[in-house]
Structure formats: C-alpha cells, structure tokens
Amino acid sequence: MAKRIKNEEQYEALRDEGYSKEKSARIANTPDSGKKGGKSKKYEERTKEELYQQAKKIGIEGRSNMKKDELIDALRNH
C-alpha cells in the first residue's frame, strides 16, 4: 500500500527544491511542519567550512572532496 502524503502541496514544493522523496514525505507528514523551529541559517548562507563540519558531524563520506553545492546536496539528502 502506498503511503499517503498529508500535505501534497508542501511535498511537491520540497521535491522541486531537490529534497528526496523520503525526506519530502517525512516533512510533509509532520504536524506543524510549516512552522520554523530553529534559528539555523539556510545552507546557502553558511560557509563551506560550516557545511563541511555539519557533514563531518553526521558522517557524510567523501565530504573532503566536495564543493559547497555538493555539500548542500549531500546534507539535504542525508
């Protein structure tokens, strides 16, 4: 049985931004998912070093050879 997406519009918007199907579904199915909770800067506003440290923290392999946009993509799809 296919999973049901509670907020289809939000799901599609997340997919358009490059999020994986799984992550988009998780976010779109979370209550209050449209409300910003943290005070973190957007990935695009962070330095490459900040992105690298976040990738290191969560164990993304190959991070030392990645460009900034590749780090952003890896973090979003982790």
C-alpha atoms as a PDB file:
ATOM      1  CA  MET A   1       0.000   0.000   0.000  1.00  0.00           C
ATOM      2  CA  ALA A   2       1.320   3.420  -0.940  1.00  0.00           C
ATOM      3  CA  LYS A   3       1.895   5.943   1.828  1.00  0.00           C
ATOM      4  CA  ARG A   4      -0.438   8.904   1.929  1.00  0.00           C
ATOM      5  CA  ILE A   5       1.009  12.425   1.860  1.00  0.00           C
ATOM      6  CA  LYS A   6      -0.856  14.728   4.244  1.00  0.00           C
ATOM      7  CA  ASN A   7       0.343  17.989   2.688  1.00  0.00           C
ATOM      8  CA  GLU A   8       0.707  17.309  -1.046  1.00  0.00           C
ATOM      9  CA  GLU A   9       1.488  20.953  -1.901  1.00  0.00           C
ATOM     10  CA  GLN A  10       4.352  21.101   0.581  1.00  0.00           C
ATOM     11  CA  TYR A  11       5.611  17.696  -0.617  1.00  0.00           C
ATOM     12  CA  GLU A  12       5.756  18.894  -4.235  1.00  0.00           C
ATOM     13  CA  ALA A  13       7.492  22.131  -3.226  1.00  0.00           C
ATOM     14  CA  LEU A  14      10.149  20.182  -1.338  1.00  0.00           C
ATOM     15  CA  ARG A  15      10.673  17.825  -4.283  1.00  0.00           C
ATOM     16  CA  ASP A  16      11.079  20.868  -6.563  1.00  0.00           C
ATOM     17  CA  GLU A  17      13.804  22.143  -4.207  1.00  0.00           C
ATOM     18  CA  GLY A  18      15.696  18.876  -4.601  1.00  0.00           C
ATOM     19  CA  TYR A  19      14.728  17.010  -1.449  1.00  0.00           C
ATOM     20  CA  SER A  20      14.488  13.221  -1.701  1.00  0.00           C
ATOM     21  CA  LYS A  21      11.058  11.580  -1.882  1.00  0.00           C
ATOM     22  CA  GLU A  22      11.517  10.102   1.589  1.00  0.00           C
ATOM     23  CA  LYS A  23      12.591  13.345   3.234  1.00  0.00           C
ATOM     24  CA  SER A  24       9.861  15.341   1.474  1.00  0.00           C
ATOM     25  CA  ALA A  25       7.228  12.856   2.671  1.00  0.00           C
ATOM     26  CA  ARG A  26       8.555  12.937   6.239  1.00  0.00           C
ATOM     27  CA  ILE A  27       8.406  16.727   6.341  1.00  0.00           C
ATOM     28  CA  ALA A  28       5.009  16.983   4.623  1.00  0.00           C
ATOM     29  CA  ASN A  29       3.526  14.424   7.034  1.00  0.00           C
ATOM     30  CA  THR A  30       4.821  16.121  10.197  1.00  0.00           C
ATOM     31  CA  PRO A  31       2.323  18.197  12.174  1.00  0.00           C
ATOM     32  CA  ASP A  32       3.325  21.885  12.296  1.00  0.00           C
ATOM     33  CA  SER A  33       5.953  21.258   9.617  1.00  0.00           C
ATOM     34  CA  GLY A  34       5.337  24.674   8.078  1.00  0.00           C
ATOM     35  CA  LYS A  35       6.500  26.460  11.215  1.00  0.00           C
ATOM     36  CA  LYS A  36      10.159  27.317  11.543  1.00  0.00           C
ATOM     37  CA  GLY A  37      11.555  25.903  14.729  1.00  0.00           C
ATOM     38  CA  GLY A  38      15.267  26.591  14.832  1.00  0.00           C
ATOM     39  CA  LYS A  39      17.374  29.626  14.251  1.00  0.00           C
ATOM     40  CA  SER A  40      19.816  27.939  11.870  1.00  0.00           C
ATOM     41  CA  LYS A  41      20.945  29.740   8.753  1.00  0.00           C
ATOM     42  CA  LYS A  42      19.990  28.285   5.400  1.00  0.00           C
ATOM     43  CA  TYR A  43      22.695  26.063   3.917  1.00  0.00           C
ATOM     44  CA  GLU A  44      23.317  28.619   1.157  1.00  0.00           C
ATOM     45  CA  GLU A  45      24.105  31.264   3.795  1.00  0.00           C
ATOM     46  CA  ARG A  46      26.719  29.089   5.523  1.00  0.00           C
ATOM     47  CA  THR A  47      30.395  28.916   4.670  1.00  0.00           C
ATOM     48  CA  LYS A  48      31.861  25.840   3.031  1.00  0.00           C
ATOM     49  CA  GLU A  49      33.696  25.125   6.322  1.00  0.00           C
ATOM     50  CA  GLU A  50      30.426  25.236   8.301  1.00  0.00           C
ATOM     51  CA  LEU A  51      28.835  22.840   5.811  1.00  0.00           C
ATOM     52  CA  TYR A  52      31.895  20.576   5.967  1.00  0.00           C
ATOM     53  CA  GLN A  53      31.718  20.442   9.771  1.00  0.00           C
ATOM     54  CA  GLN A  54      28.000  19.561   9.651  1.00  0.00           C
ATOM     55  CA  ALA A  55      28.716  16.838   7.077  1.00  0.00           C
ATOM     56  CA  LYS A  56      31.508  15.516   9.309  1.00  0.00           C
ATOM     57  CA  LYS A  57      29.186  15.532  12.327  1.00  0.00           C
ATOM     58  CA  ILE A  58      26.615  13.330  10.587  1.00  0.00           C
ATOM     59  CA  GLY A  59      29.152  11.121   8.831  1.00  0.00           C
ATOM     60  CA  ILE A  60      28.823  12.004   5.146  1.00  0.00           C
ATOM     61  CA  GLU A  61      31.538  10.177   3.257  1.00  0.00           C
ATOM     62  CA  GLY A  62      33.602  11.927   0.588  1.00  0.00           C
ATOM     63  CA  ARG A  63      32.955  15.344   2.114  1.00  0.00           C
ATOM     64  CA  SER A  64      36.579  16.499   1.861  1.00  0.00           C
ATOM     65  CA  ASN A  65      36.403  16.395  -1.946  1.00  0.00           C
ATOM     66  CA  MET A  66      33.011  18.115  -2.236  1.00  0.00           C
ATOM     67  CA  LYS A  67      32.325  21.648  -3.433  1.00  0.00           C
ATOM     68  CA  LYS A  68      29.921  23.838  -1.452  1.00  0.00           C
ATOM     69  CA  ASP A  69      26.893  22.985  -3.605  1.00  0.00           C
ATOM     70  CA  GLU A  70      27.730  19.269  -3.342  1.00  0.00           C
ATOM     71  CA  LEU A  71      27.899  19.532   0.460  1.00  0.00           C
ATOM     72  CA  ILE A  72      24.493  21.236   0.480  1.00  0.00           C
ATOM     73  CA  ASP A  73      23.021  18.482  -1.693  1.00  0.00           C
ATOM     74  CA  ALA A  74      24.558  15.753   0.480  1.00  0.00           C
ATOM     75  CA  LEU A  75      23.254  17.354   3.684  1.00  0.00           C
ATOM     76  CA  ARG A  76      19.754  17.774   2.288  1.00  0.00           C
ATOM     77  CA  ASN A  77      19.576  14.209   1.072  1.00  0.00           C
ATOM     78  CA  HIS A  78      21.157  12.532   4.091  1.00  0.00           C
END
